[in-house]
Amino acid sequence: MGKLKAYKSRGEYKGEPIYPHKHKDGTYVASPSRFEVDYVYVDTEDELEALVRSGLGARMSSPDIKQAASLISANNIALTDSSSPPVVAKTVLPKLSEEVDLDFDSTTKSRKEQAFLRAHISGGRLQATCVLCENEYPLEFLVAAHIKKRSECSKSEKLDFDNIN
């Protein structure tokens, strides 16, 4: 196995070692969150190590455990091979830039009401108060969100500006 290793933290296999999960297409996944939209696909364990050292989590699994891969946070991943120098992001990127195009095409959906909600809660100001921490921030750092899952909201609920922010 490679240099990255973690252990199952709960369930039937608690304490069992897990390693970077290699997907069917040969890639590994690093991510700052469990959401697939945030996944960073890399081709080698060295690239994955660099992203883990930078603070991203990694999808990990074990060939001996028949469970789906889990996203493990960077602070729960051990680096098992200390004999070679650490792989860090700035050493991987130049090599990577020679191998592949650094730009990729993507298609995303955006929430049309987001800009209108920000304008509504700010009252036209360039800053607004975060309802969670009560600190003042520039509008571009704030996200208007629903307590109820947006996908379960009716159109009228999505547009009920006074009750969703």
Protein backbone atom coordinates (compact mmCIF):
# COMPACT_ATOMS: atom_id res chain seq x y z
CA MET A 1 0.00 0.00 0.00
CA GLY A 2 1.01 3.65 -0.37
CA LYS A 3 2.16 6.27 2.09
CA LEU A 4 -1.31 7.38 3.18
CA LYS A 5 -3.20 5.35 5.78
CA ALA A 6 -6.15 5.86 8.11
CA TYR A 7 -8.33 3.68 10.30
CA LYS A 8 -12.07 3.05 10.34
CA SER A 9 -13.41 5.08 13.25
CA ARG A 10 -16.69 3.27 13.90
CA GLY A 11 -18.89 0.36 13.02
CA GLU A 12 -18.16 -3.30 12.50
CA TYR A 13 -14.67 -2.62 11.10
CA LYS A 14 -13.57 -0.02 13.68
CA GLY A 15 -9.76 0.11 13.87
CA GLU A 16 -9.21 -1.56 10.47
CA PRO A 17 -6.72 0.22 8.17
CA ILE A 18 -7.94 1.97 5.03
CA TYR A 19 -5.94 3.38 2.13
CA PRO A 20 -6.49 5.80 -0.77
CA HIS A 21 -9.41 4.56 -2.86
CA LYS A 22 -8.56 4.07 -6.52
CA HIS A 23 -11.65 4.62 -8.66
CA LYS A 24 -12.49 2.54 -11.74
CA ASP A 25 -11.05 5.24 -13.98
CA GLY A 26 -7.72 5.04 -12.11
CA THR A 27 -8.07 8.34 -10.25
CA TYR A 28 -7.98 9.23 -6.57
CA VAL A 29 -10.15 11.87 -4.90
CA ALA A 30 -9.21 14.68 -2.54
CA SER A 31 -11.81 17.11 -1.25
CA PRO A 32 -12.40 19.84 1.31
CA SER A 33 -15.94 18.48 1.87
CA ARG A 34 -18.07 15.39 1.36
CA PHE A 35 -19.85 17.00 -1.58
CA GLU A 36 -18.99 15.61 -4.99
CA VAL A 37 -18.96 19.09 -6.53
CA ASP A 38 -15.83 19.79 -4.42
CA TYR A 39 -13.95 16.63 -5.48
CA VAL A 40 -10.47 17.06 -6.92
CA TYR A 41 -9.51 14.07 -9.08
CA VAL A 42 -5.81 13.23 -9.27
CA ASP A 43 -3.91 10.50 -11.08
CA THR A 44 -1.26 9.51 -8.55
CA GLU A 45 -0.92 8.93 -4.83
CA ASP A 46 1.86 11.56 -4.78
CA GLU A 47 -0.63 14.17 -6.03
CA LEU A 48 -3.14 12.97 -3.44
CA GLU A 49 -0.49 13.19 -0.70
CA ALA A 50 0.29 16.79 -1.67
CA LEU A 51 -3.39 17.73 -1.37
CA VAL A 52 -3.75 15.92 1.97
CA ARG A 53 -0.68 17.76 3.28
CA SER A 54 -2.42 20.97 2.15
CA GLY A 55 -5.43 20.14 4.31
CA LEU A 56 -7.83 18.34 1.97
CA GLY A 57 -9.40 15.04 2.92
CA ALA A 58 -9.13 11.90 0.79
CA ARG A 59 -11.55 9.15 -0.21
CA MET A 60 -10.24 5.98 1.37
CA SER A 61 -11.25 2.32 1.51
CA SER A 62 -9.91 -1.18 2.04
CA PRO A 63 -9.95 -4.08 -0.40
CA ASP A 64 -10.77 -6.33 2.59
CA ILE A 65 -13.85 -4.35 3.64
CA LYS A 66 -16.88 -4.45 1.37
CA GLN A 67 -18.08 -0.91 2.10
CA ALA A 68 -18.14 2.26 0.07
CA ALA A 69 -15.12 4.53 0.26
CA SER A 70 -15.23 7.20 2.97
CA LEU A 71 -13.97 10.76 2.87
CA ILE A 72 -11.35 10.98 5.62
CA SER A 73 -10.24 14.40 6.86
CA ALA A 74 -6.55 15.27 6.53
CA ASN A 75 -5.96 15.30 10.29
CA ASN A 76 -7.05 11.63 10.48
CA ILE A 77 -4.69 10.43 7.74
CA ALA A 78 -1.27 9.16 8.70
CA LEU A 79 1.75 9.39 6.41
CA THR A 80 3.41 6.00 6.77
CA ASP A 81 6.61 6.44 4.72
CA SER A 82 8.89 9.06 6.24
CA SER A 83 11.99 7.91 4.36
CA SER A 84 11.27 9.99 1.25
CA PRO A 85 10.86 13.77 1.24
CA PRO A 86 7.30 15.03 1.66
CA VAL A 87 5.31 15.65 -1.47
CA VAL A 88 3.80 19.13 -1.30
CA ALA A 89 1.48 20.94 -3.70
CA LYS A 90 4.08 23.36 -5.05
CA THR A 91 6.38 20.48 -6.06
CA VAL A 92 3.60 18.55 -7.84
CA LEU A 93 2.06 21.44 -9.78
CA PRO A 94 4.99 22.22 -12.12
CA LYS A 95 5.27 18.54 -13.08
CA LEU A 96 1.51 18.28 -13.46
CA SER A 97 1.36 21.39 -15.65
CA GLU A 98 3.72 19.74 -18.14
CA GLU A 99 1.55 16.61 -18.34
CA VAL A 100 -1.96 18.01 -18.63
CA ASP A 101 -3.94 21.10 -19.54
CA LEU A 102 -4.66 22.92 -16.26
CA ASP A 103 -8.05 24.14 -17.47
CA PHE A 104 -11.09 21.94 -17.68
CA ASP A 105 -14.58 22.39 -19.04
CA SER A 106 -17.44 22.28 -16.59
CA THR A 107 -21.16 22.73 -16.53
CA THR A 108 -22.82 23.97 -13.36
CA LYS A 109 -26.20 25.08 -12.17
CA SER A 110 -26.46 28.34 -10.28
CA ARG A 111 -29.18 29.62 -8.03
CA LYS A 112 -30.69 32.61 -9.80
CA GLU A 113 -32.15 34.04 -6.62
CA GLN A 114 -28.78 34.12 -4.79
CA ALA A 115 -27.78 37.63 -5.91
CA PHE A 116 -31.28 38.96 -5.21
CA LEU A 117 -31.29 37.44 -1.71
CA ARG A 118 -27.90 38.99 -0.94
CA ALA A 119 -29.15 42.38 -2.11
CA HIS A 120 -32.33 41.97 -0.04
CA ILE A 121 -30.55 41.08 3.21
CA SER A 122 -27.95 43.81 2.78
CA GLY A 123 -30.46 46.55 2.03
CA GLY A 124 -28.28 47.71 -0.86
CA ARG A 125 -25.12 47.97 1.26
CA LEU A 126 -21.83 46.36 0.24
CA GLN A 127 -21.62 44.50 3.56
CA ALA A 128 -24.10 42.57 5.68
CA THR A 129 -24.25 40.74 8.99
CA CYS A 130 -23.90 36.96 9.02
CA VAL A 131 -26.91 35.50 10.84
CA LEU A 132 -24.78 32.68 12.28
CA CYS A 133 -21.81 34.54 13.79
CA GLU A 134 -23.24 38.09 13.73
CA ASN A 135 -20.03 39.48 12.18
CA GLU A 136 -20.08 41.96 9.31
CA TYR A 137 -18.74 40.71 5.94
CA PRO A 138 -18.56 41.88 2.31
CA LEU A 139 -21.54 40.50 0.35
CA GLU A 140 -19.41 38.22 -1.83
CA PHE A 141 -18.45 36.23 1.30
CA LEU A 142 -22.05 35.61 2.34
CA VAL A 143 -24.32 32.89 1.01
CA ALA A 144 -28.06 33.05 1.34
CA ALA A 145 -29.27 29.62 2.38
CA HIS A 146 -32.42 27.71 3.22
CA ILE A 147 -32.90 25.77 6.46
CA LYS A 148 -35.19 23.40 4.58
CA LYS A 149 -33.38 21.65 1.72
CA ARG A 150 -33.75 23.91 -1.30
CA SER A 151 -34.55 20.93 -3.53
CA GLU A 152 -37.63 20.29 -1.38
CA CYS A 153 -38.86 23.91 -1.48
CA SER A 154 -41.68 25.00 -3.71
CA LYS A 155 -41.07 27.94 -6.02
CA SER A 156 -42.98 30.26 -3.69
CA GLU A 157 -40.83 29.11 -0.74
CA LYS A 158 -37.67 29.78 -2.74
CA LEU A 159 -38.90 33.32 -3.38
CA ASP A 160 -40.08 34.04 0.20
CA PHE A 161 -37.14 36.38 0.83
CA ASP A 162 -38.24 37.53 4.30
CA ASN A 163 -38.35 34.01 5.72
CA ILE A 164 -35.42 32.21 4.08
CA ASN A 165 -32.44 34.32 5.06
